[in-house]
């Protein structure tokens, strides 16, 4: 299921709790660059977030470079790095909710 399908399902179910959206995740990313290592099918993508954090995704591609889809390798490396944004932003949202509930010191 892709981001748009999940977002539509959330809207259809009228789930209203604080949450992250694909738009929020994309808004956190201010720059991205992919690099293919010469002579390999290895692709890395480095995303830079608004606060300066750098996240790296990788794609190792096909065994045979003649069979490798370079655009797909870049997209998959980007997607892997973007997934890390979801994890970090999810943690921050959970922390904010925790603090709003008066649980500033820790515990569950």
PDB file of N, CA and C in Angstrom:
ATOM      1  N   UNK A   1       0.860  -1.172   0.000  1.00  0.00           N
ATOM      2  CA  UNK A   1       0.000   0.000   0.000  1.00  0.00           C
ATOM      3  C   UNK A   1       0.905   1.234   0.000  1.00  0.00           C
ATOM      4  N   UNK A   2       0.635   2.196  -0.869  1.00  0.00           N
ATOM      5  CA  UNK A   2       1.470   3.398  -0.945  1.00  0.00           C
ATOM      6  C   UNK A   2       0.938   4.505  -0.018  1.00  0.00           C
ATOM      7  N   UNK A   3       1.707   5.580   0.100  1.00  0.00           N
ATOM      8  CA  UNK A   3       1.336   6.681   1.001  1.00  0.00           C
ATOM      9  C   UNK A   3      -0.053   7.234   0.718  1.00  0.00           C
ATOM     10  N   UNK A   4      -0.386   7.400  -0.562  1.00  0.00           N
ATOM     11  CA  UNK A   4      -1.679   7.989  -0.913  1.00  0.00           C
ATOM     12  C   UNK A   4      -2.839   7.074  -0.500  1.00  0.00           C
ATOM     13  N   UNK A   5      -2.665   5.770  -0.698  1.00  0.00           N
ATOM     14  CA  UNK A   5      -3.721   4.824  -0.327  1.00  0.00           C
ATOM     15  C   UNK A   5      -3.919   4.790   1.188  1.00  0.00           C
ATOM     16  N   UNK A   6      -2.823   4.820   1.923  1.00  0.00           N
ATOM     17  CA  UNK A   6      -2.920   4.837   3.387  1.00  0.00           C
ATOM     18  C   UNK A   6      -3.577   6.123   3.861  1.00  0.00           C
ATOM     19  N   UNK A   7      -3.174   7.243   3.282  1.00  0.00           N
ATOM     20  CA  UNK A   7      -3.755   8.537   3.648  1.00  0.00           C
ATOM     21  C   UNK A   7      -5.258   8.547   3.385  1.00  0.00           C
ATOM     22  N   UNK A   8      -5.683   8.009   2.248  1.00  0.00           N
ATOM     23  CA  UNK A   8      -7.102   7.966   1.920  1.00  0.00           C
ATOM     24  C   UNK A   8      -7.866   7.087   2.906  1.00  0.00           C
ATOM     25  N   UNK A   9      -7.284   5.961   3.290  1.00  0.00           N
ATOM     26  CA  UNK A   9      -7.929   5.076   4.261  1.00  0.00           C
ATOM     27  C   UNK A   9      -8.117   5.780   5.600  1.00  0.00           C
ATOM     28  N   UNK A  10      -7.107   6.535   6.036  1.00  0.00           N
ATOM     29  CA  UNK A  10      -7.197   7.284   7.290  1.00  0.00           C
ATOM     30  C   UNK A  10      -8.314   8.317   7.201  1.00  0.00           C
ATOM     31  N   UNK A  11      -8.389   9.033   6.081  1.00  0.00           N
ATOM     32  CA  UNK A  11      -9.435  10.034   5.895  1.00  0.00           C
ATOM     33  C   UNK A  11     -10.818   9.386   5.844  1.00  0.00           C
ATOM     34  N   UNK A  12     -10.923   8.271   5.129  1.00  0.00           N
ATOM     35  CA  UNK A  12     -12.208   7.567   5.031  1.00  0.00           C
ATOM     36  C   UNK A  12     -12.710   7.108   6.394  1.00  0.00           C
ATOM     37  N   UNK A  13     -11.804   6.710   7.258  1.00  0.00           N
ATOM     38  CA  UNK A  13     -12.172   6.234   8.599  1.00  0.00           C
ATOM     39  C   UNK A  13     -12.321   7.384   9.592  1.00  0.00           C
ATOM     40  N   UNK A  14     -12.077   8.600   9.140  1.00  0.00           N
ATOM     41  CA  UNK A  14     -12.190   9.808   9.950  1.00  0.00           C
ATOM     42  C   UNK A  14     -11.368   9.721  11.232  1.00  0.00           C
ATOM     43  N   UNK A  15     -10.155   9.212  11.106  1.00  0.00           N
ATOM     44  CA  UNK A  15      -9.248   9.144  12.248  1.00  0.00           C
ATOM     45  C   UNK A  15      -8.655  10.529  12.455  1.00  0.00           C
ATOM     46  N   UNK A  16      -8.825  11.080  13.646  1.00  0.00           N
ATOM     47  CA  UNK A  16      -8.496  12.485  13.865  1.00  0.00           C
ATOM     48  C   UNK A  16      -7.378  12.725  14.872  1.00  0.00           C
ATOM     49  N   UNK A  17      -6.793  11.676  15.412  1.00  0.00           N
ATOM     50  CA  UNK A  17      -5.698  11.867  16.370  1.00  0.00           C
ATOM     51  C   UNK A  17      -4.520  12.537  15.678  1.00  0.00           C
ATOM     52  N   UNK A  18      -3.683  13.225  16.459  1.00  0.00           N
ATOM     53  CA  UNK A  18      -2.479  13.800  15.849  1.00  0.00           C
ATOM     54  C   UNK A  18      -1.681  12.703  15.146  1.00  0.00           C
ATOM     55  N   UNK A  19      -1.212  13.020  13.969  1.00  0.00           N
ATOM     56  CA  UNK A  19      -0.491  12.021  13.188  1.00  0.00           C
ATOM     57  C   UNK A  19       0.418  12.715  12.190  1.00  0.00           C
ATOM     58  N   UNK A  20       1.236  11.911  11.569  1.00  0.00           N
ATOM     59  CA  UNK A  20       2.106  12.398  10.504  1.00  0.00           C
ATOM     60  C   UNK A  20       1.415  12.172   9.176  1.00  0.00           C
ATOM     61  N   UNK A  21       1.754  12.986   8.204  1.00  0.00           N
ATOM     62  CA  UNK A  21       1.212  12.815   6.856  1.00  0.00           C
ATOM     63  C   UNK A  21       2.385  12.737   5.873  1.00  0.00           C
ATOM     64  N   UNK A  22       2.151  12.172   4.698  1.00  0.00           N
ATOM     65  CA  UNK A  22       3.203  12.161   3.683  1.00  0.00           C
ATOM     66  C   UNK A  22       3.693  13.578   3.355  1.00  0.00           C
ATOM     67  N   UNK A  23       2.784  14.543   3.359  1.00  0.00           N
ATOM     68  CA  UNK A  23       3.160  15.924   3.067  1.00  0.00           C
ATOM     69  C   UNK A  23       4.114  16.470   4.120  1.00  0.00           C
ATOM     70  N   UNK A  24       3.836  16.130   5.393  1.00  0.00           N
ATOM     71  CA  UNK A  24       4.712  16.576   6.478  1.00  0.00           C
ATOM     72  C   UNK A  24       6.107  15.986   6.294  1.00  0.00           C
ATOM     73  N   UNK A  25       6.172  14.701   6.004  1.00  0.00           N
ATOM     74  CA  UNK A  25       7.463  14.032   5.820  1.00  0.00           C
ATOM     75  C   UNK A  25       8.231  14.692   4.677  1.00  0.00           C
ATOM     76  N   UNK A  26       7.551  14.911   3.549  1.00  0.00           N
ATOM     77  CA  UNK A  26       8.224  15.531   2.403  1.00  0.00           C
ATOM     78  C   UNK A  26       8.656  16.958   2.702  1.00  0.00           C
ATOM     79  N   UNK A  27       7.891  17.663   3.545  1.00  0.00           N
ATOM     80  CA  UNK A  27       8.233  19.032   3.909  1.00  0.00           C
ATOM     81  C   UNK A  27       9.486  19.095   4.781  1.00  0.00           C
ATOM     82  N   UNK A  28       9.793  18.024   5.493  1.00  0.00           N
ATOM     83  CA  UNK A  28      10.989  17.979   6.337  1.00  0.00           C
ATOM     84  C   UNK A  28      12.259  17.853   5.501  1.00  0.00           C
ATOM     85  N   UNK A  29      12.134  17.331   4.280  1.00  0.00           N
ATOM     86  CA  UNK A  29      13.282  17.101   3.413  1.00  0.00           C
ATOM     87  C   UNK A  29      13.560  18.363   2.598  1.00  0.00           C
ATOM     88  N   UNK A  30      14.756  18.924   2.762  1.00  0.00           N
ATOM     89  CA  UNK A  30      15.074  20.149   2.017  1.00  0.00           C
ATOM     90  C   UNK A  30      16.048  19.892   0.872  1.00  0.00           C
ATOM     91  N   UNK A  31      16.729  18.741   0.891  1.00  0.00           N
ATOM     92  CA  UNK A  31      17.666  18.429  -0.189  1.00  0.00           C
ATOM     93  C   UNK A  31      17.882  16.929  -0.248  1.00  0.00           C
ATOM     94  N   UNK A  32      18.232  16.469  -1.417  1.00  0.00           N
ATOM     95  CA  UNK A  32      18.533  15.059  -1.596  1.00  0.00           C
ATOM     96  C   UNK A  32      19.499  14.877  -2.754  1.00  0.00           C
ATOM     97  N   UNK A  33      20.395  13.925  -2.600  1.00  0.00           N
ATOM     98  CA  UNK A  33      21.356  13.656  -3.648  1.00  0.00           C
ATOM     99  C   UNK A  33      21.645  12.169  -3.684  1.00  0.00           C
ATOM    100  N   UNK A  34      21.635  11.600  -4.886  1.00  0.00           N
ATOM    101  CA  UNK A  34      21.925  10.177  -5.060  1.00  0.00           C
ATOM    102  C   UNK A  34      23.243  10.025  -5.809  1.00  0.00           C
ATOM    103  N   UNK A  35      23.947   8.963  -5.481  1.00  0.00           N
ATOM    104  CA  UNK A  35      25.232   8.688  -6.115  1.00  0.00           C
ATOM    105  C   UNK A  35      25.327   7.200  -6.418  1.00  0.00           C
ATOM    106  N   UNK A  36      25.731   6.876  -7.630  1.00  0.00           N
ATOM    107  CA  UNK A  36      25.998   5.497  -8.016  1.00  0.00           C
ATOM    108  C   UNK A  36      27.507   5.329  -8.045  1.00  0.00           C
ATOM    109  N   UNK A  37      28.007   4.352  -7.333  1.00  0.00           N
ATOM    110  CA  UNK A  37      29.444   4.114  -7.317  1.00  0.00           C
ATOM    111  C   UNK A  37      29.869   3.521  -8.651  1.00  0.00           C
ATOM    112  N   UNK A  38      30.824   4.152  -9.321  1.00  0.00           N
ATOM    113  CA  UNK A  38      31.261   3.688 -10.637  1.00  0.00           C
ATOM    114  C   UNK A  38      31.689   2.216 -10.605  1.00  0.00           C
ATOM    115  N   UNK A  39      31.287   1.500 -11.632  1.00  0.00           N
ATOM    116  CA  UNK A  39      31.642   0.096 -11.765  1.00  0.00           C
ATOM    117  C   UNK A  39      30.836  -0.838 -10.897  1.00  0.00           C
ATOM    118  N   UNK A  40      29.801  -0.300 -10.217  1.00  0.00           N
ATOM    119  CA  UNK A  40      28.960  -1.126  -9.352  1.00  0.00           C
ATOM    120  C   UNK A  40      27.498  -0.836  -9.653  1.00  0.00           C
ATOM    121  N   UNK A  41      26.628  -1.552  -8.964  1.00  0.00           N
ATOM    122  CA  UNK A  41      25.200  -1.235  -9.010  1.00  0.00           C
ATOM    123  C   UNK A  41      24.763  -0.631  -7.676  1.00  0.00           C
ATOM    124  N   UNK A  42      25.721  -0.220  -6.849  1.00  0.00           N
ATOM    125  CA  UNK A  42      25.430   0.330  -5.530  1.00  0.00           C
ATOM    126  C   UNK A  42      25.067   1.812  -5.657  1.00  0.00           C
ATOM    127  N   UNK A  43      23.887   2.139  -5.130  1.00  0.00           N
ATOM    128  CA  UNK A  43      23.397   3.512  -5.136  1.00  0.00           C
ATOM    129  C   UNK A  43      23.140   3.943  -3.704  1.00  0.00           C
ATOM    130  N   UNK A  44      23.559   5.150  -3.363  1.00  0.00           N
ATOM    131  CA  UNK A  44      23.236   5.725  -2.063  1.00  0.00           C
ATOM    132  C   UNK A  44      22.504   7.041  -2.301  1.00  0.00           C
ATOM    133  N   UNK A  45      21.636   7.367  -1.373  1.00  0.00           N
ATOM    134  CA  UNK A  45      20.907   8.630  -1.441  1.00  0.00           C
ATOM    135  C   UNK A  45      21.008   9.285  -0.074  1.00  0.00           C
ATOM    136  N   UNK A  46      21.433  10.520  -0.045  1.00  0.00           N
ATOM    137  CA  UNK A  46      21.540  11.270   1.204  1.00  0.00           C
ATOM    138  C   UNK A  46      20.485  12.378   1.200  1.00  0.00           C
ATOM    139  N   UNK A  47      19.612  12.355   2.201  1.00  0.00           N
ATOM    140  CA  UNK A  47      18.607  13.395   2.365  1.00  0.00           C
ATOM    141  C   UNK A  47      19.032  14.326   3.491  1.00  0.00           C
ATOM    142  N   UNK A  48      18.794  15.611   3.300  1.00  0.00           N
ATOM    143  CA  UNK A  48      19.057  16.601   4.338  1.00  0.00           C
ATOM    144  C   UNK A  48      17.716  17.113   4.841  1.00  0.00           C
ATOM    145  N   UNK A  49      17.540  17.094   6.160  1.00  0.00           N
ATOM    146  CA  UNK A  49      16.307  17.566   6.769  1.00  0.00           C
ATOM    147  C   UNK A  49      16.447  19.028   7.187  1.00  0.00           C
ATOM    148  N   UNK A  50      15.331  19.648   7.488  1.00  0.00           N
ATOM    149  CA  UNK A  50      15.304  21.072   7.854  1.00  0.00           C
ATOM    150  C   UNK A  50      16.268  21.418   8.987  1.00  0.00           C
ATOM    151  N   UNK A  51      16.433  20.489   9.933  1.00  0.00           N
ATOM    152  CA  UNK A  51      17.308  20.788  11.080  1.00  0.00           C
ATOM    153  C   UNK A  51      18.768  20.407  10.814  1.00  0.00           C
ATOM    154  N   UNK A  52      19.085  20.022   9.591  1.00  0.00           N
ATOM    155  CA  UNK A  52      20.457  19.692   9.239  1.00  0.00           C
ATOM    156  C   UNK A  52      20.794  18.212   9.329  1.00  0.00           C
ATOM    157  N   UNK A  53      19.895  17.403   9.861  1.00  0.00           N
ATOM    158  CA  UNK A  53      20.138  15.964   9.961  1.00  0.00           C
ATOM    159  C   UNK A  53      20.278  15.374   8.561  1.00  0.00           C
ATOM    160  N   UNK A  54      21.217  14.463   8.431  1.00  0.00           N
ATOM    161  CA  UNK A  54      21.437  13.763   7.160  1.00  0.00           C
ATOM    162  C   UNK A  54      21.030  12.304   7.350  1.00  0.00           C
ATOM    163  N   UNK A  55      20.299  11.762   6.400  1.00  0.00           N
ATOM    164  CA  UNK A  55      19.875  10.365   6.422  1.00  0.00           C
ATOM    165  C   UNK A  55      20.281   9.717   5.116  1.00  0.00           C
ATOM    166  N   UNK A  56      20.766   8.476   5.198  1.00  0.00           N
ATOM    167  CA  UNK A  56      21.273   7.790   4.019  1.00  0.00           C
ATOM    168  C   UNK A  56      20.480   6.512   3.769  1.00  0.00           C
ATOM    169  N   UNK A  57      20.080   6.331   2.515  1.00  0.00           N
ATOM    170  CA  UNK A  57      19.453   5.097   2.072  1.00  0.00           C
ATOM    171  C   UNK A  57      20.339   4.445   1.036  1.00  0.00           C
ATOM    172  N   UNK A  58      20.265   3.126   0.933  1.00  0.00           N
ATOM    173  CA  UNK A  58      21.095   2.411  -0.027  1.00  0.00           C
ATOM    174  C   UNK A  58      20.270   1.462  -0.879  1.00  0.00           C
ATOM    175  N   UNK A  59      20.792   1.171  -2.046  1.00  0.00           N
ATOM    176  CA  UNK A  59      20.235   0.150  -2.926  1.00  0.00           C
ATOM    177  C   UNK A  59      21.412  -0.558  -3.564  1.00  0.00           C
ATOM    178  N   UNK A  60      21.407  -1.877  -3.487  1.00  0.00           N
ATOM    179  CA  UNK A  60      22.539  -2.640  -4.006  1.00  0.00           C
ATOM    180  C   UNK A  60      22.321  -3.121  -5.433  1.00  0.00           C
ATOM    181  N   UNK A  61      21.115  -2.998  -5.931  1.00  0.00           N
ATOM    182  CA  UNK A  61      20.851  -3.264  -7.339  1.00  0.00           C
ATOM    183  C   UNK A  61      21.013  -4.707  -7.750  1.00  0.00           C
ATOM    184  N   UNK A  62      21.053  -4.887  -9.036  1.00  0.00           N
ATOM    185  CA  UNK A  62      21.147  -6.214  -9.640  1.00  0.00           C
ATOM    186  C   UNK A  62      22.577  -6.734  -9.540  1.00  0.00           C
ATOM    187  N   UNK A  63      22.704  -8.038  -9.571  1.00  0.00           N
ATOM    188  CA  UNK A  63      24.030  -8.654  -9.571  1.00  0.00           C
ATOM    189  C   UNK A  63      24.777  -8.276 -10.851  1.00  0.00           C
ATOM    190  N   UNK A  64      24.082  -8.291 -11.960  1.00  0.00           N
ATOM    191  CA  UNK A  64      24.674  -7.985 -13.264  1.00  0.00           C
ATOM    192  C   UNK A  64      24.351  -6.531 -13.621  1.00  0.00           C
ATOM    193  N   UNK A  65      25.349  -5.669 -13.729  1.00  0.00           N
ATOM    194  CA  UNK A  65      25.094  -4.261 -14.057  1.00  0.00           C
ATOM    195  C   UNK A  65      24.289  -4.073 -15.340  1.00  0.00           C
ATOM    196  N   UNK A  66      24.365  -5.034 -16.272  1.00  0.00           N
ATOM    197  CA  UNK A  66      23.593  -4.921 -17.515  1.00  0.00           C
ATOM    198  C   UNK A  66      22.094  -5.038 -17.251  1.00  0.00           C
ATOM    199  N   UNK A  67      21.730  -5.632 -16.113  1.00  0.00           N
ATOM    200  CA  UNK A  67      20.319  -5.819 -15.765  1.00  0.00           C
ATOM    201  C   UNK A  67      19.812  -4.757 -14.788  1.00  0.00           C
ATOM    202  N   UNK A  68      20.694  -3.868 -14.389  1.00  0.00           N
ATOM    203  CA  UNK A  68      20.340  -2.903 -13.348  1.00  0.00           C
ATOM    204  C   UNK A  68      19.530  -1.740 -13.919  1.00  0.00           C
ATOM    205  N   UNK A  69      18.479  -1.362 -13.206  1.00  0.00           N
ATOM    206  CA  UNK A  69      17.654  -0.202 -13.541  1.00  0.00           C
ATOM    207  C   UNK A  69      18.112   0.954 -12.646  1.00  0.00           C
ATOM    208  N   UNK A  70      18.891   1.856 -13.207  1.00  0.00           N
ATOM    209  CA  UNK A  70      19.514   2.930 -12.426  1.00  0.00           C
ATOM    210  C   UNK A  70      18.485   3.852 -11.794  1.00  0.00           C
ATOM    211  N   UNK A  71      17.433   4.187 -12.517  1.00  0.00           N
ATOM    212  CA  UNK A  71      16.411   5.073 -11.953  1.00  0.00           C
ATOM    213  C   UNK A  71      15.711   4.402 -10.776  1.00  0.00           C
ATOM    214  N   UNK A  72      15.429   3.126 -10.922  1.00  0.00           N
ATOM    215  CA  UNK A  72      14.783   2.402  -9.826  1.00  0.00           C
ATOM    216  C   UNK A  72      15.716   2.310  -8.619  1.00  0.00           C
ATOM    217  N   UNK A  73      16.997   2.091  -8.855  1.00  0.00           N
ATOM    218  CA  UNK A  73      17.966   2.045  -7.759  1.00  0.00           C
ATOM    219  C   UNK A  73      17.996   3.350  -6.982  1.00  0.00           C
ATOM    220  N   UNK A  74      17.979   4.461  -7.706  1.00  0.00           N
ATOM    221  CA  UNK A  74      17.965   5.769  -7.046  1.00  0.00           C
ATOM    222  C   UNK A  74      16.675   5.960  -6.250  1.00  0.00           C
ATOM    223  N   UNK A  75      15.541   5.566  -6.844  1.00  0.00           N
ATOM    224  CA  UNK A  75      14.257   5.716  -6.152  1.00  0.00           C
ATOM    225  C   UNK A  75      14.197   4.858  -4.901  1.00  0.00           C
ATOM    226  N   UNK A  76      14.697   3.641  -4.981  1.00  0.00           N
ATOM    227  CA  UNK A  76      14.672   2.764  -3.812  1.00  0.00           C
ATOM    228  C   UNK A  76      15.606   3.254  -2.714  1.00  0.00           C
ATOM    229  N   UNK A  77      16.759   3.796  -3.072  1.00  0.00           N
ATOM    230  CA  UNK A  77      17.666   4.369  -2.073  1.00  0.00           C
ATOM    231  C   UNK A  77      17.013   5.596  -1.421  1.00  0.00           C
ATOM    232  N   UNK A  78      16.358   6.421  -2.233  1.00  0.00           N
ATOM    233  CA  UNK A  78      15.629   7.586  -1.705  1.00  0.00           C
ATOM    234  C   UNK A  78      14.529   7.139  -0.745  1.00  0.00           C
ATOM    235  N   UNK A  79      13.750   6.136  -1.164  1.00  0.00           N
ATOM    236  CA  UNK A  79      12.650   5.644  -0.327  1.00  0.00           C
ATOM    237  C   UNK A  79      13.155   5.109   1.009  1.00  0.00           C
ATOM    238  N   UNK A  80      14.296   4.427   0.984  1.00  0.00           N
ATOM    239  CA  UNK A  80      14.851   3.899   2.232  1.00  0.00           C
ATOM    240  C   UNK A  80      15.240   5.040   3.176  1.00  0.00           C
ATOM    241  N   UNK A  81      15.846   6.082   2.641  1.00  0.00           N
ATOM    242  CA  UNK A  81      16.209   7.237   3.470  1.00  0.00           C
ATOM    243  C   UNK A  81      14.949   7.955   3.966  1.00  0.00           C
ATOM    244  N   UNK A  82      13.944   8.078   3.113  1.00  0.00           N
ATOM    245  CA  UNK A  82      12.694   8.750   3.486  1.00  0.00           C
ATOM    246  C   UNK A  82      11.970   7.997   4.599  1.00  0.00           C
ATOM    247  N   UNK A  83      12.051   6.679   4.587  1.00  0.00           N
ATOM    248  CA  UNK A  83      11.428   5.876   5.646  1.00  0.00           C
ATOM    249  C   UNK A  83      12.025   6.233   7.009  1.00  0.00           C
ATOM    250  N   UNK A  84      13.289   6.571   7.029  1.00  0.00           N
ATOM    251  CA  UNK A  84      13.922   6.977   8.283  1.00  0.00           C
ATOM    252  C   UNK A  84      13.348   8.301   8.791  1.00  0.00           C
ATOM    253  N   UNK A  85      12.922   9.164   7.880  1.00  0.00           N
ATOM    254  CA  UNK A  85      12.287  10.424   8.290  1.00  0.00           C
ATOM    255  C   UNK A  85      11.001  10.100   9.040  1.00  0.00           C
ATOM    256  N   UNK A  86      10.217   9.155   8.524  1.00  0.00           N
ATOM    257  CA  UNK A  86       8.981   8.731   9.203  1.00  0.00           C
ATOM    258  C   UNK A  86       9.295   8.281  10.629  1.00  0.00           C
ATOM    259  N   UNK A  87      10.324   7.492  10.787  1.00  0.00           N
ATOM    260  CA  UNK A  87      10.667   6.969  12.109  1.00  0.00           C
ATOM    261  C   UNK A  87      11.055   8.089  13.070  1.00  0.00           C
ATOM    262  N   UNK A  88      11.894   9.006  12.609  1.00  0.00           N
ATOM    263  CA  UNK A  88      12.321  10.105  13.471  1.00  0.00           C
ATOM    264  C   UNK A  88      11.169  11.047  13.808  1.00  0.00           C
ATOM    265  N   UNK A  89      10.387  11.390  12.821  1.00  0.00           N
ATOM    266  CA  UNK A  89       9.251  12.289  13.058  1.00  0.00           C
ATOM    267  C   UNK A  89       8.192  11.611  13.926  1.00  0.00           C
ATOM    268  N   UNK A  90       8.023  10.310  13.768  1.00  0.00           N
ATOM    269  CA  UNK A  90       7.099   9.562  14.619  1.00  0.00           C
ATOM    270  C   UNK A  90       7.531   9.599  16.077  1.00  0.00           C
ATOM    271  N   UNK A  91       8.815   9.445  16.299  1.00  0.00           N
ATOM    272  CA  UNK A  91       9.340   9.536  17.661  1.00  0.00           C
ATOM    273  C   UNK A  91       9.069  10.924  18.248  1.00  0.00           C
ATOM    274  N   UNK A  92       9.342  11.967  17.470  1.00  0.00           N
ATOM    275  CA  UNK A  92       9.118  13.336  17.968  1.00  0.00           C
ATOM    276  C   UNK A  92       7.646  13.581  18.288  1.00  0.00           C
ATOM    277  N   UNK A  93       6.750  13.114  17.437  1.00  0.00           N
ATOM    278  CA  UNK A  93       5.317  13.284  17.701  1.00  0.00           C
ATOM    279  C   UNK A  93       4.923  12.544  18.971  1.00  0.00           C
ATOM    280  N   UNK A  94       5.401  11.320  19.130  1.00  0.00           N
ATOM    281  CA  UNK A  94       5.066  10.549  20.329  1.00  0.00           C
ATOM    282  C   UNK A  94       5.580  11.257  21.574  1.00  0.00           C
ATOM    283  N   UNK A  95       6.775  11.836  21.506  1.00  0.00           N
ATOM    284  CA  UNK A  95       7.340  12.554  22.649  1.00  0.00           C
ATOM    285  C   UNK A  95       6.492  13.779  22.988  1.00  0.00           C
ATOM    286  N   UNK A  96       6.079  14.522  21.960  1.00  0.00           N
ATOM    287  CA  UNK A  96       5.231  15.698  22.203  1.00  0.00           C
ATOM    288  C   UNK A  96       3.920  15.308  22.868  1.00  0.00           C
ATOM    289  N   UNK A  97       3.292  14.245  22.381  1.00  0.00           N
ATOM    290  CA  UNK A  97       2.036  13.778  22.971  1.00  0.00           C
ATOM    291  C   UNK A  97       2.248  13.334  24.417  1.00  0.00           C
ATOM    292  N   UNK A  98       3.329  12.667  24.665  1.00  0.00           N
ATOM    293  CA  UNK A  98       3.683  12.213  26.010  1.00  0.00           C
ATOM    294  C   UNK A  98       3.814  13.409  26.956  1.00  0.00           C
ATOM    295  N   UNK A  99       4.508  14.438  26.501  1.00  0.00           N
ATOM    296  CA  UNK A  99       4.697  15.631  27.329  1.00  0.00           C
ATOM    297  C   UNK A  99       3.384  16.375  27.547  1.00  0.00           C
ATOM    298  N   UNK A 100       2.523  16.414  26.543  1.00  0.00           N
ATOM    299  CA  UNK A 100       1.227  17.085  26.683  1.00  0.00           C
ATOM    300  C   UNK A 100       0.340  16.388  27.704  1.00  0.00           C
ATOM    301  N   UNK A 101       0.558  15.111  27.875  1.00  0.00           N
ATOM    302  CA  UNK A 101      -0.251  14.355  28.842  1.00  0.00           C
ATOM    303  C   UNK A 101       0.275  14.518  30.266  1.00  0.00           C
ATOM    304  N   UNK A 102       1.293  15.362  30.425  1.00  0.00           N
ATOM    305  CA  UNK A 102       1.843  15.613  31.743  1.00  0.00           C
ATOM    306  C   UNK A 102       2.888  14.608  32.177  1.00  0.00           C
ATOM    307  N   UNK A 103       3.373  13.812  31.265  1.00  0.00           N
ATOM    308  CA  UNK A 103       4.375  12.802  31.576  1.00  0.00           C
ATOM    309  C   UNK A 103       5.749  13.293  31.162  1.00  0.00           C
ATOM    310  N   UNK A 104       6.138  14.427  31.664  1.00  0.00           N
ATOM    311  CA  UNK A 104       7.357  15.069  31.211  1.00  0.00           C
ATOM    312  C   UNK A 104       8.610  14.304  31.645  1.00  0.00           C
ATOM    313  N   UNK A 105       8.571  13.608  32.770  1.00  0.00           N
ATOM    314  CA  UNK A 105       9.769  12.958  33.306  1.00  0.00           C
ATOM    315  C   UNK A 105      10.076  11.601  32.708  1.00  0.00           C
ATOM    316  N   UNK A 106       9.221  10.953  32.089  1.00  0.00           N
ATOM    317  CA  UNK A 106       9.514   9.604  31.574  1.00  0.00           C
ATOM    318  C   UNK A 106       8.509   8.612  32.101  1.00  0.00           C
ATOM    319  N   UNK A 107       8.826   7.353  31.958  1.00  0.00           N
ATOM    320  CA  UNK A 107       7.866   6.331  32.318  1.00  0.00           C
ATOM    321  C   UNK A 107       6.911   6.112  31.171  1.00  0.00           C
ATOM    322  N   UNK A 108       5.890   5.318  31.390  1.00  0.00           N
ATOM    323  CA  UNK A 108       4.950   5.083  30.290  1.00  0.00           C
ATOM    324  C   UNK A 108       3.567   5.563  30.582  1.00  0.00           C
TER     325      UNK A 108
END
